[in-house]
Amino acid sequence: MNSGGADHPLTLSIRRKMRFHLGRIQLNFMAMLCCMAFLGGTFQGCGYRLVGSGSLPSGVTRIAVPVLENRTGESGLEIIVTNAILDEMTRRQKNLVVDETQAEAILAGSINSLSATTAGRATLLNAVERRLAITASLTLKRTNGDVLWQDLSLRVEQAYQVRDAQTETNAERRGAIAAASQRLAEYVYERLTDSF
């Protein structure tokens, strides 16, 4: 009798089951690929595509982004938001942002408000989480003044933790402002390049 167990009925049964399961995994994977290819072709034919993957309105290829106007009481917010927009634009399209003298259009606007509300409480008087909101208005205009795109009601929100020490809470708030600014920049780019 063979003591290696290679021909043992239990070992053969396990091998058959493994082959069966591996075959099912391969079939499921192939079915998933076929569905993705079919859906990709279907959506492409209907004009669907990834958000933010198009071009700017009216074929604009070079824009300038001056510092936004800050209508809030938060000193330096205009620099944080403008830098986030510049970073997002240059990350998505390398040569998109240029000096105003070389630009075909200018993306300008204002930060209209920065507010914070309590989002979570430990007790009636103790907040543990706050949610800040930034609202902005942006317009993309050709250098001759023609409006190509406009959104006067941009809004993003970001939660942050309230800590026991005020310095730690302030650091959380600054981080939330930076994160909200980045999300606003991503949203602006997606809206600008969305041709639905």
C-alpha atoms as a PDB file:
ATOM      1  CA  MET A   1       0.000   0.000   0.000  1.00  0.00           C
ATOM      2  CA  ASN A   2       1.265   3.493  -0.832  1.00  0.00           C
ATOM      3  CA  SER A   3       1.865   5.475   2.366  1.00  0.00           C
ATOM      4  CA  GLY A   4       2.393   8.813   0.566  1.00  0.00           C
ATOM      5  CA  GLY A   5      -1.318   9.441   0.358  1.00  0.00           C
ATOM      6  CA  ALA A   6      -1.152  10.708  -3.240  1.00  0.00           C
ATOM      7  CA  ASP A   7      -3.780   8.202  -4.409  1.00  0.00           C
ATOM      8  CA  HIS A   8      -5.846   8.323  -1.255  1.00  0.00           C
ATOM      9  CA  PRO A   9      -9.573   8.815  -2.090  1.00  0.00           C
ATOM     10  CA  LEU A  10      -9.787  11.888   0.191  1.00  0.00           C
ATOM     11  CA  THR A  11      -6.779  13.530  -1.527  1.00  0.00           C
ATOM     12  CA  LEU A  12      -8.288  12.889  -4.976  1.00  0.00           C
ATOM     13  CA  SER A  13     -11.598  14.349  -3.836  1.00  0.00           C
ATOM     14  CA  ILE A  14      -9.899  17.508  -2.557  1.00  0.00           C
ATOM     15  CA  ARG A  15      -8.002  17.910  -5.847  1.00  0.00           C
ATOM     16  CA  ARG A  16     -11.213  17.576  -7.873  1.00  0.00           C
ATOM     17  CA  LYS A  17     -12.954  20.178  -5.696  1.00  0.00           C
ATOM     18  CA  MET A  18     -10.016  22.570  -6.033  1.00  0.00           C
ATOM     19  CA  ARG A  19     -10.041  22.198  -9.828  1.00  0.00           C
ATOM     20  CA  PHE A  20     -13.798  22.783  -9.830  1.00  0.00           C
ATOM     21  CA  HIS A  21     -13.488  25.952  -7.701  1.00  0.00           C
ATOM     22  CA  LEU A  22     -10.562  27.284  -9.737  1.00  0.00           C
ATOM     23  CA  GLY A  23     -12.570  26.678 -12.901  1.00  0.00           C
ATOM     24  CA  ARG A  24     -15.512  28.603 -11.423  1.00  0.00           C
ATOM     25  CA  ILE A  25     -13.231  31.492 -10.444  1.00  0.00           C
ATOM     26  CA  GLN A  26     -11.839  31.635 -13.979  1.00  0.00           C
ATOM     27  CA  LEU A  27     -15.346  31.561 -15.452  1.00  0.00           C
ATOM     28  CA  ASN A  28     -16.550  34.298 -13.073  1.00  0.00           C
ATOM     29  CA  PHE A  29     -13.517  36.425 -13.945  1.00  0.00           C
ATOM     30  CA  MET A  30     -14.100  35.956 -17.684  1.00  0.00           C
ATOM     31  CA  ALA A  31     -17.798  36.792 -17.282  1.00  0.00           C
ATOM     32  CA  MET A  32     -16.874  39.957 -15.381  1.00  0.00           C
ATOM     33  CA  LEU A  33     -14.427  41.005 -18.130  1.00  0.00           C
ATOM     34  CA  CYS A  34     -17.059  40.429 -20.811  1.00  0.00           C
ATOM     35  CA  CYS A  35     -19.618  42.504 -18.889  1.00  0.00           C
ATOM     36  CA  MET A  36     -17.121  45.326 -18.418  1.00  0.00           C
ATOM     37  CA  ALA A  37     -16.250  45.329 -22.120  1.00  0.00           C
ATOM     38  CA  PHE A  38     -19.933  45.296 -23.088  1.00  0.00           C
ATOM     39  CA  LEU A  39     -20.875  48.071 -20.670  1.00  0.00           C
ATOM     40  CA  GLY A  40     -17.843  50.127 -21.660  1.00  0.00           C
ATOM     41  CA  GLY A  41     -18.841  49.943 -25.309  1.00  0.00           C
ATOM     42  CA  THR A  42     -22.484  50.656 -24.527  1.00  0.00           C
ATOM     43  CA  PHE A  43     -21.765  53.705 -22.381  1.00  0.00           C
ATOM     44  CA  GLN A  44     -19.213  55.022 -24.829  1.00  0.00           C
ATOM     45  CA  GLY A  45     -21.722  54.776 -27.643  1.00  0.00           C
ATOM     46  CA  CYS A  46     -24.300  56.700 -25.618  1.00  0.00           C
ATOM     47  CA  GLY A  47     -21.893  59.517 -24.811  1.00  0.00           C
ATOM     48  CA  TYR A  48     -21.170  58.455 -21.239  1.00  0.00           C
ATOM     49  CA  ARG A  49     -17.640  58.829 -19.955  1.00  0.00           C
ATOM     50  CA  LEU A  50     -15.751  59.437 -16.751  1.00  0.00           C
ATOM     51  CA  VAL A  51     -16.567  62.759 -15.109  1.00  0.00           C
ATOM     52  CA  GLY A  52     -13.862  65.345 -15.612  1.00  0.00           C
ATOM     53  CA  SER A  53     -12.202  63.494 -18.472  1.00  0.00           C
ATOM     54  CA  GLY A  54     -13.200  65.935 -21.217  1.00  0.00           C
ATOM     55  CA  SER A  55     -11.850  69.269 -22.271  1.00  0.00           C
ATOM     56  CA  LEU A  56     -12.589  72.789 -21.142  1.00  0.00           C
ATOM     57  CA  PRO A  57     -15.560  74.673 -22.616  1.00  0.00           C
ATOM     58  CA  SER A  58     -15.208  76.012 -26.164  1.00  0.00           C
ATOM     59  CA  GLY A  59     -11.931  74.164 -26.675  1.00  0.00           C
ATOM     60  CA  VAL A  60      -9.946  76.407 -24.319  1.00  0.00           C
ATOM     61  CA  THR A  61      -6.492  74.922 -23.685  1.00  0.00           C
ATOM     62  CA  ARG A  62      -4.789  77.625 -21.586  1.00  0.00           C
ATOM     63  CA  ILE A  63      -6.256  79.406 -18.577  1.00  0.00           C
ATOM     64  CA  ALA A  64      -5.068  81.798 -15.903  1.00  0.00           C
ATOM     65  CA  VAL A  65      -6.212  81.488 -12.295  1.00  0.00           C
ATOM     66  CA  PRO A  66      -5.730  84.707 -10.304  1.00  0.00           C
ATOM     67  CA  VAL A  67      -6.072  84.702  -6.510  1.00  0.00           C
ATOM     68  CA  LEU A  68      -9.728  84.405  -5.541  1.00  0.00           C
ATOM     69  CA  GLU A  69     -11.458  87.196  -3.644  1.00  0.00           C
ATOM     70  CA  ASN A  70     -11.908  86.329   0.042  1.00  0.00           C
ATOM     71  CA  ARG A  71     -15.266  87.517   1.400  1.00  0.00           C
ATOM     72  CA  THR A  72     -14.882  85.600   4.656  1.00  0.00           C
ATOM     73  CA  GLY A  73     -13.213  86.586   7.911  1.00  0.00           C
ATOM     74  CA  GLU A  74     -10.679  83.750   7.542  1.00  0.00           C
ATOM     75  CA  SER A  75      -7.321  85.328   6.776  1.00  0.00           C
ATOM     76  CA  GLY A  76      -5.379  83.511   4.047  1.00  0.00           C
ATOM     77  CA  LEU A  77      -8.283  81.324   2.906  1.00  0.00           C
ATOM     78  CA  GLU A  78      -8.054  82.780  -0.610  1.00  0.00           C
ATOM     79  CA  ILE A  79      -4.452  81.547  -0.911  1.00  0.00           C
ATOM     80  CA  ILE A  80      -5.300  78.027   0.305  1.00  0.00           C
ATOM     81  CA  VAL A  81      -8.257  77.617  -2.081  1.00  0.00           C
ATOM     82  CA  THR A  82      -6.495  79.227  -5.063  1.00  0.00           C
ATOM     83  CA  ASN A  83      -3.434  77.023  -4.564  1.00  0.00           C
ATOM     84  CA  ALA A  84      -5.643  73.929  -4.355  1.00  0.00           C
ATOM     85  CA  ILE A  85      -7.296  74.875  -7.667  1.00  0.00           C
ATOM     86  CA  LEU A  86      -3.930  75.557  -9.315  1.00  0.00           C
ATOM     87  CA  ASP A  87      -2.542  72.240  -8.071  1.00  0.00           C
ATOM     88  CA  GLU A  88      -5.585  70.314  -9.309  1.00  0.00           C
ATOM     89  CA  MET A  89      -5.550  71.965 -12.734  1.00  0.00           C
ATOM     90  CA  THR A  90      -1.832  71.358 -13.286  1.00  0.00           C
ATOM     91  CA  ARG A  91      -2.069  67.805 -11.939  1.00  0.00           C
ATOM     92  CA  ARG A  92      -4.844  66.959 -14.398  1.00  0.00           C
ATOM     93  CA  GLN A  93      -3.475  68.822 -17.440  1.00  0.00           C
ATOM     94  CA  LYS A  94       0.195  69.708 -17.376  1.00  0.00           C
ATOM     95  CA  ASN A  95       0.217  72.890 -19.500  1.00  0.00           C
ATOM     96  CA  LEU A  96      -3.297  74.121 -18.721  1.00  0.00           C
ATOM     97  CA  VAL A  97      -2.459  76.955 -16.316  1.00  0.00           C
ATOM     98  CA  VAL A  98      -0.458  79.832 -17.764  1.00  0.00           C
ATOM     99  CA  ASP A  99       0.197  83.508 -17.105  1.00  0.00           C
ATOM    100  CA  GLU A 100      -2.713  85.887 -17.862  1.00  0.00           C
ATOM    101  CA  THR A 101      -0.836  87.296 -20.875  1.00  0.00           C
ATOM    102  CA  GLN A 102      -0.812  83.823 -22.513  1.00  0.00           C
ATOM    103  CA  ALA A 103      -4.269  82.673 -21.381  1.00  0.00           C
ATOM    104  CA  GLU A 104      -7.284  82.148 -23.621  1.00  0.00           C
ATOM    105  CA  ALA A 105      -9.589  82.381 -20.596  1.00  0.00           C
ATOM    106  CA  ILE A 106      -9.505  83.372 -16.940  1.00  0.00           C
ATOM    107  CA  LEU A 107     -11.006  81.362 -14.072  1.00  0.00           C
ATOM    108  CA  ALA A 108     -11.830  83.906 -11.376  1.00  0.00           C
ATOM    109  CA  GLY A 109     -14.242  84.269  -8.506  1.00  0.00           C
ATOM    110  CA  SER A 110     -14.693  84.542  -4.793  1.00  0.00           C
ATOM    111  CA  ILE A 111     -14.919  82.543  -1.605  1.00  0.00           C
ATOM    112  CA  ASN A 112     -18.239  83.696  -0.225  1.00  0.00           C
ATOM    113  CA  SER A 113     -18.442  82.023   3.174  1.00  0.00           C
ATOM    114  CA  LEU A 114     -16.758  79.751   5.657  1.00  0.00           C
ATOM    115  CA  SER A 115     -18.992  78.401   8.385  1.00  0.00           C
ATOM    116  CA  ALA A 116     -18.867  75.659  11.000  1.00  0.00           C
ATOM    117  CA  THR A 117     -21.659  73.771  12.745  1.00  0.00           C
ATOM    118  CA  THR A 118     -21.665  71.118  15.408  1.00  0.00           C
ATOM    119  CA  ALA A 119     -21.941  67.648  13.915  1.00  0.00           C
ATOM    120  CA  GLY A 120     -21.579  65.488  17.021  1.00  0.00           C
ATOM    121  CA  ARG A 121     -21.810  65.937  20.776  1.00  0.00           C
ATOM    122  CA  ALA A 122     -20.509  64.017  23.777  1.00  0.00           C
ATOM    123  CA  THR A 123     -22.869  65.932  26.057  1.00  0.00           C
ATOM    124  CA  LEU A 124     -25.298  68.798  25.612  1.00  0.00           C
ATOM    125  CA  LEU A 125     -22.493  71.354  25.982  1.00  0.00           C
ATOM    126  CA  ASN A 126     -19.504  69.432  24.578  1.00  0.00           C
ATOM    127  CA  ALA A 127     -19.048  69.075  20.826  1.00  0.00           C
ATOM    128  CA  VAL A 128     -16.832  66.235  19.599  1.00  0.00           C
ATOM    129  CA  GLU A 129     -17.134  66.911  15.880  1.00  0.00           C
ATOM    130  CA  ARG A 130     -17.760  70.001  13.790  1.00  0.00           C
ATOM    131  CA  ARG A 131     -18.496  70.344  10.099  1.00  0.00           C
ATOM    132  CA  LEU A 132     -17.198  73.305   8.162  1.00  0.00           C
ATOM    133  CA  ALA A 133     -18.598  74.488   4.850  1.00  0.00           C
ATOM    134  CA  ILE A 134     -16.956  76.604   2.184  1.00  0.00           C
ATOM    135  CA  THR A 135     -19.063  78.290  -0.489  1.00  0.00           C
ATOM    136  CA  ALA A 136     -17.606  79.893  -3.592  1.00  0.00           C
ATOM    137  CA  SER A 137     -18.534  81.408  -6.940  1.00  0.00           C
ATOM    138  CA  LEU A 138     -16.357  80.854 -10.010  1.00  0.00           C
ATOM    139  CA  THR A 139     -16.585  82.022 -13.612  1.00  0.00           C
ATOM    140  CA  LEU A 140     -14.502  81.047 -16.632  1.00  0.00           C
ATOM    141  CA  LYS A 141     -14.386  83.955 -19.092  1.00  0.00           C
ATOM    142  CA  ARG A 142     -12.574  84.397 -22.367  1.00  0.00           C
ATOM    143  CA  THR A 143     -10.104  87.262 -22.329  1.00  0.00           C
ATOM    144  CA  ASN A 144     -12.685  89.263 -24.338  1.00  0.00           C
ATOM    145  CA  GLY A 145     -15.204  88.870 -21.466  1.00  0.00           C
ATOM    146  CA  ASP A 146     -17.446  86.127 -22.912  1.00  0.00           C
ATOM    147  CA  VAL A 147     -18.637  83.801 -20.138  1.00  0.00           C
ATOM    148  CA  LEU A 148     -17.821  80.145 -20.955  1.00  0.00           C
ATOM    149  CA  TRP A 149     -18.752  78.532 -17.642  1.00  0.00           C
ATOM    150  CA  GLN A 150     -20.108  79.698 -14.321  1.00  0.00           C
ATOM    151  CA  ASP A 151     -21.111  78.208 -10.996  1.00  0.00           C
ATOM    152  CA  LEU A 152     -22.247  80.705  -8.388  1.00  0.00           C
ATOM    153  CA  SER A 153     -23.200  78.133  -5.752  1.00  0.00           C
ATOM    154  CA  LEU A 154     -20.208  75.855  -5.215  1.00  0.00           C
ATOM    155  CA  ARG A 155     -20.237  74.255  -1.769  1.00  0.00           C
ATOM    156  CA  VAL A 156     -18.083  71.677  -0.015  1.00  0.00           C
ATOM    157  CA  GLU A 157     -18.182  70.375   3.539  1.00  0.00           C
ATOM    158  CA  GLN A 158     -15.594  68.688   5.717  1.00  0.00           C
ATOM    159  CA  ALA A 159     -15.860  67.320   9.256  1.00  0.00           C
ATOM    160  CA  TYR A 160     -13.154  67.682  11.877  1.00  0.00           C
ATOM    161  CA  GLN A 161     -12.659  66.526  15.456  1.00  0.00           C
ATOM    162  CA  VAL A 162     -12.995  68.834  18.445  1.00  0.00           C
ATOM    163  CA  ARG A 163     -10.143  68.075  20.866  1.00  0.00           C
ATOM    164  CA  ASP A 164      -9.666  68.894  24.542  1.00  0.00           C
ATOM    165  CA  ALA A 165      -6.863  71.352  23.764  1.00  0.00           C
ATOM    166  CA  GLN A 166      -7.786  74.374  21.649  1.00  0.00           C
ATOM    167  CA  THR A 167      -4.478  74.196  19.752  1.00  0.00           C
ATOM    168  CA  GLU A 168      -5.292  70.633  18.687  1.00  0.00           C
ATOM    169  CA  THR A 169      -8.808  71.654  17.601  1.00  0.00           C
ATOM    170  CA  ASN A 170      -7.330  74.534  15.602  1.00  0.00           C
ATOM    171  CA  ALA A 171      -4.950  72.106  13.879  1.00  0.00           C
ATOM    172  CA  GLU A 172      -7.898  69.809  13.046  1.00  0.00           C
ATOM    173  CA  ARG A 173      -9.789  72.817  11.645  1.00  0.00           C
ATOM    174  CA  ARG A 174      -6.835  73.856   9.461  1.00  0.00           C
ATOM    175  CA  GLY A 175      -6.619  70.293   8.151  1.00  0.00           C
ATOM    176  CA  ALA A 176     -10.342  70.350   7.380  1.00  0.00           C
ATOM    177  CA  ILE A 177      -9.966  73.653   5.509  1.00  0.00           C
ATOM    178  CA  ALA A 178      -7.145  72.165   3.424  1.00  0.00           C
ATOM    179  CA  ALA A 179      -9.162  68.996   2.696  1.00  0.00           C
ATOM    180  CA  ALA A 180     -12.290  70.993   1.800  1.00  0.00           C
ATOM    181  CA  SER A 181     -10.231  73.245  -0.483  1.00  0.00           C
ATOM    182  CA  GLN A 182      -8.852  70.191  -2.278  1.00  0.00           C
ATOM    183  CA  ARG A 183     -12.330  68.728  -2.711  1.00  0.00           C
ATOM    184  CA  LEU A 184     -13.573  72.070  -4.030  1.00  0.00           C
ATOM    185  CA  ALA A 185     -10.699  72.146  -6.546  1.00  0.00           C
ATOM    186  CA  GLU A 186     -11.497  68.600  -7.728  1.00  0.00           C
ATOM    187  CA  TYR A 187     -15.162  69.480  -8.080  1.00  0.00           C
ATOM    188  CA  VAL A 188     -14.365  72.649 -10.055  1.00  0.00           C
ATOM    189  CA  TYR A 189     -12.147  70.731 -12.481  1.00  0.00           C
ATOM    190  CA  GLU A 190     -14.766  68.016 -12.952  1.00  0.00           C
ATOM    191  CA  ARG A 191     -17.493  70.587 -13.560  1.00  0.00           C
ATOM    192  CA  LEU A 192     -15.320  72.561 -15.989  1.00  0.00           C
ATOM    193  CA  THR A 193     -14.514  69.503 -18.085  1.00  0.00           C
ATOM    194  CA  ASP A 194     -17.956  67.868 -17.873  1.00  0.00           C
ATOM    195  CA  SER A 195     -19.676  68.077 -21.267  1.00  0.00           C
ATOM    196  CA  PHE A 196     -22.955  66.228 -20.550  1.00  0.00           C
END
